[in-house]
N, C-alpha and C. Protein backbone atom coordinates (compact mmCIF):
# COMPACT_ATOMS: atom_id res chain seq x y z
N UNK A 1 0.86 -1.18 0.00
CA UNK A 1 0.00 0.00 0.00
C UNK A 1 0.90 1.23 0.00
N UNK A 2 0.61 2.14 -0.90
CA UNK A 2 1.42 3.35 -1.04
C UNK A 2 1.14 4.31 0.10
N UNK A 3 2.07 5.16 0.34
CA UNK A 3 1.96 6.14 1.43
C UNK A 3 0.73 7.03 1.25
N UNK A 4 0.46 7.47 0.03
CA UNK A 4 -0.69 8.33 -0.22
C UNK A 4 -2.00 7.60 0.09
N UNK A 5 -2.08 6.32 -0.20
CA UNK A 5 -3.27 5.54 0.10
C UNK A 5 -3.47 5.44 1.61
N UNK A 6 -2.37 5.25 2.32
CA UNK A 6 -2.45 5.16 3.79
C UNK A 6 -2.92 6.48 4.39
N UNK A 7 -2.39 7.56 3.88
CA UNK A 7 -2.78 8.88 4.37
C UNK A 7 -4.27 9.11 4.09
N UNK A 8 -4.71 8.75 2.92
CA UNK A 8 -6.12 8.90 2.56
C UNK A 8 -7.00 8.05 3.46
N UNK A 9 -6.60 6.81 3.74
CA UNK A 9 -7.35 5.93 4.62
C UNK A 9 -7.42 6.49 6.04
N UNK A 10 -6.32 7.02 6.52
CA UNK A 10 -6.27 7.61 7.86
C UNK A 10 -7.17 8.84 7.93
N UNK A 11 -7.17 9.66 6.88
CA UNK A 11 -8.03 10.85 6.85
C UNK A 11 -9.51 10.46 6.87
N UNK A 12 -9.87 9.44 6.06
CA UNK A 12 -11.26 8.98 6.07
C UNK A 12 -11.64 8.42 7.44
N UNK A 13 -10.74 7.70 8.05
CA UNK A 13 -11.01 7.16 9.39
C UNK A 13 -11.19 8.28 10.39
N UNK A 14 -10.37 9.31 10.30
CA UNK A 14 -10.49 10.45 11.21
C UNK A 14 -11.82 11.16 11.00
N UNK A 15 -12.24 11.29 9.75
CA UNK A 15 -13.53 11.93 9.47
C UNK A 15 -14.68 11.10 10.05
N UNK A 16 -14.58 9.79 9.94
CA UNK A 16 -15.61 8.91 10.50
C UNK A 16 -15.66 9.03 12.01
N UNK A 17 -14.50 9.09 12.65
CA UNK A 17 -14.44 9.24 14.10
C UNK A 17 -15.06 10.57 14.50
N UNK A 18 -14.78 11.63 13.75
CA UNK A 18 -15.37 12.94 14.04
C UNK A 18 -16.88 12.90 13.88
N UNK A 19 -17.36 12.21 12.84
CA UNK A 19 -18.81 12.11 12.62
C UNK A 19 -19.46 11.32 13.75
N UNK A 20 -18.82 10.26 14.20
CA UNK A 20 -19.35 9.47 15.31
C UNK A 20 -19.38 10.31 16.58
N UNK A 21 -18.33 11.08 16.83
CA UNK A 21 -18.28 11.94 18.02
C UNK A 21 -19.38 13.00 17.96
N UNK A 22 -19.60 13.58 16.78
CA UNK A 22 -20.66 14.59 16.65
C UNK A 22 -22.03 13.97 16.88
N UNK A 23 -22.25 12.78 16.35
CA UNK A 23 -23.53 12.10 16.55
C UNK A 23 -23.73 11.76 18.02
N UNK A 24 -22.67 11.36 18.69
CA UNK A 24 -22.76 11.06 20.12
C UNK A 24 -23.12 12.30 20.92
N UNK A 25 -22.53 13.42 20.57
CA UNK A 25 -22.85 14.68 21.26
C UNK A 25 -24.31 15.06 21.03
N UNK A 26 -24.80 14.88 19.80
CA UNK A 26 -26.20 15.19 19.51
C UNK A 26 -27.13 14.28 20.32
N UNK A 27 -26.79 13.01 20.41
CA UNK A 27 -27.61 12.08 21.17
C UNK A 27 -27.60 12.44 22.65
N UNK A 28 -26.44 12.81 23.17
CA UNK A 28 -26.36 13.21 24.58
C UNK A 28 -27.20 14.45 24.83
N UNK A 29 -27.14 15.40 23.90
CA UNK A 29 -27.92 16.62 24.03
C UNK A 29 -29.42 16.31 23.98
N UNK A 30 -29.82 15.45 23.05
CA UNK A 30 -31.23 15.06 22.95
C UNK A 30 -31.66 14.34 24.22
N UNK A 31 -30.81 13.48 24.75
CA UNK A 31 -31.13 12.78 25.99
C UNK A 31 -31.33 13.75 27.15
N UNK A 32 -30.53 14.77 27.21
CA UNK A 32 -30.66 15.79 28.26
C UNK A 32 -31.96 16.57 28.10
N UNK A 33 -32.32 16.90 26.86
CA UNK A 33 -33.58 17.60 26.62
C UNK A 33 -34.77 16.73 27.03
N UNK A 34 -34.70 15.46 26.74
CA UNK A 34 -35.77 14.54 27.12
C UNK A 34 -35.86 14.46 28.64
N UNK A 35 -34.72 14.37 29.32
CA UNK A 35 -34.71 14.30 30.78
C UNK A 35 -35.36 15.55 31.37
N UNK A 36 -35.02 16.72 30.83
CA UNK A 36 -35.62 17.96 31.34
C UNK A 36 -37.12 18.00 31.08
N UNK A 37 -37.53 17.54 29.89
CA UNK A 37 -38.96 17.53 29.56
C UNK A 37 -39.73 16.60 30.49
N UNK A 38 -39.18 15.44 30.76
CA UNK A 38 -39.84 14.50 31.67
C UNK A 38 -39.93 15.08 33.07
N UNK A 39 -38.87 15.76 33.51
CA UNK A 39 -38.89 16.40 34.82
C UNK A 39 -39.96 17.48 34.88
N UNK A 40 -40.06 18.28 33.81
CA UNK A 40 -41.09 19.33 33.76
C UNK A 40 -42.49 18.73 33.80
N UNK A 41 -42.70 17.66 33.06
CA UNK A 41 -44.00 17.00 33.05
C UNK A 41 -44.33 16.45 34.43
N UNK A 42 -43.33 15.86 35.08
CA UNK A 42 -43.54 15.33 36.43
C UNK A 42 -43.91 16.44 37.41
N UNK A 43 -43.21 17.56 37.32
CA UNK A 43 -43.50 18.70 38.19
C UNK A 43 -44.91 19.22 37.92
N UNK A 44 -45.26 19.36 36.65
CA UNK A 44 -46.58 19.85 36.28
C UNK A 44 -47.66 18.89 36.80
N UNK A 45 -47.42 17.59 36.65
CA UNK A 45 -48.40 16.60 37.11
C UNK A 45 -48.59 16.67 38.62
N UNK A 46 -47.50 16.83 39.35
CA UNK A 46 -47.58 16.93 40.81
C UNK A 46 -48.35 18.19 41.21
N UNK A 47 -48.04 19.30 40.56
CA UNK A 47 -48.75 20.56 40.86
C UNK A 47 -50.23 20.44 40.53
N UNK A 48 -50.55 19.79 39.41
CA UNK A 48 -51.95 19.61 39.03
C UNK A 48 -52.67 18.76 40.05
N UNK A 49 -52.04 17.68 40.50
CA UNK A 49 -52.64 16.83 41.52
C UNK A 49 -52.89 17.61 42.81
N UNK A 50 -51.92 18.41 43.22
CA UNK A 50 -52.10 19.23 44.43
C UNK A 50 -53.27 20.20 44.27
N UNK A 51 -53.35 20.86 43.13
CA UNK A 51 -54.43 21.81 42.89
C UNK A 51 -55.79 21.11 42.84
N UNK A 52 -55.83 19.94 42.24
CA UNK A 52 -57.09 19.19 42.18
C UNK A 52 -57.51 18.76 43.58
N UNK A 53 -56.57 18.37 44.42
CA UNK A 53 -56.89 18.00 45.80
C UNK A 53 -57.46 19.20 46.56
N UNK A 54 -56.85 20.36 46.36
CA UNK A 54 -57.37 21.58 46.99
C UNK A 54 -58.78 21.89 46.48
N UNK A 55 -58.99 21.70 45.18
CA UNK A 55 -60.31 21.96 44.60
C UNK A 55 -61.37 21.04 45.21
N UNK A 56 -61.02 19.79 45.39
CA UNK A 56 -61.96 18.84 46.00
C UNK A 56 -62.31 19.29 47.41
N UNK A 57 -61.31 19.73 48.17
CA UNK A 57 -61.57 20.21 49.53
C UNK A 57 -62.51 21.43 49.51
N UNK A 58 -62.25 22.35 48.60
CA UNK A 58 -63.08 23.56 48.50
C UNK A 58 -64.50 23.19 48.10
N UNK A 59 -64.64 22.31 47.12
CA UNK A 59 -65.98 21.90 46.68
C UNK A 59 -66.72 21.19 47.80
N UNK A 60 -66.02 20.35 48.54
CA UNK A 60 -66.66 19.65 49.66
C UNK A 60 -67.15 20.65 50.70
N UNK A 61 -66.34 21.67 50.97
CA UNK A 61 -66.75 22.71 51.91
C UNK A 61 -67.96 23.47 51.41
N UNK A 62 -67.98 23.77 50.12
CA UNK A 62 -69.12 24.48 49.53
C UNK A 62 -70.38 23.62 49.59
N UNK A 63 -70.22 22.33 49.38
CA UNK A 63 -71.37 21.43 49.44
C UNK A 63 -71.96 21.44 50.86
N UNK A 64 -71.10 21.38 51.83
CA UNK A 64 -71.57 21.41 53.22
C UNK A 64 -72.29 22.72 53.51
N UNK A 65 -71.73 23.83 53.03
CA UNK A 65 -72.37 25.12 53.24
C UNK A 65 -73.73 25.17 52.54
N UNK A 66 -73.81 24.59 51.35
CA UNK A 66 -75.08 24.58 50.62
C UNK A 66 -76.13 23.79 51.39
N UNK A 67 -75.76 22.66 51.96
CA UNK A 67 -76.71 21.87 52.75
C UNK A 67 -77.17 22.64 53.99
N UNK A 68 -76.23 23.32 54.64
CA UNK A 68 -76.60 24.14 55.81
C UNK A 68 -77.59 25.22 55.41
N UNK A 69 -77.31 25.87 54.28
CA UNK A 69 -78.20 26.92 53.80
C UNK A 69 -79.59 26.36 53.49
N UNK A 70 -79.63 25.20 52.87
CA UNK A 70 -80.92 24.56 52.59
C UNK A 70 -81.67 24.28 53.90
N UNK A 71 -80.93 23.78 54.90
CA UNK A 71 -81.56 23.50 56.19
C UNK A 71 -82.07 24.79 56.84
N UNK A 72 -81.28 25.88 56.74
CA UNK A 72 -81.70 27.16 57.30
C UNK A 72 -82.97 27.68 56.61
N UNK A 73 -82.95 27.60 55.30
CA UNK A 73 -84.08 28.11 54.52
C UNK A 73 -85.33 27.28 54.79
N UNK A 74 -85.16 25.98 54.92
CA UNK A 74 -86.33 25.11 55.16
C UNK A 74 -86.75 25.12 56.64
N UNK A 75 -85.93 25.72 57.47
CA UNK A 75 -86.26 25.85 58.90
C UNK A 75 -85.97 24.61 59.72
N UNK A 76 -85.19 23.69 59.20
CA UNK A 76 -84.88 22.48 59.96
C UNK A 76 -83.59 22.58 60.75
N UNK A 77 -82.90 23.71 60.65
CA UNK A 77 -81.65 23.87 61.39
C UNK A 77 -81.77 25.07 62.31
N UNK A 78 -81.34 24.89 63.54
CA UNK A 78 -81.40 26.03 64.47
C UNK A 78 -80.41 27.12 64.08
N UNK A 79 -80.71 28.37 64.38
CA UNK A 79 -79.84 29.50 64.07
C UNK A 79 -78.81 29.70 65.19
N UNK A 80 -77.81 28.87 65.22
CA UNK A 80 -76.80 29.02 66.27
C UNK A 80 -75.46 29.33 65.73
């Protein structure tokens, strides 16, 4: 194998290694973006669950107040 052929082969190999390294960096970057997105979704889901729990508590309180009001209006509950 002539020297020029070896140099050409080495250059192509170096280019392939560079392309592999660039692809690896892109994959790592994409993996990091996915990790952040999953974390954001998890945070959003937790916050939504907390807010829904608070809403249930508020609605339950309003329901109780509505029943008391009905009892007051119908005269079945003492005014205490």
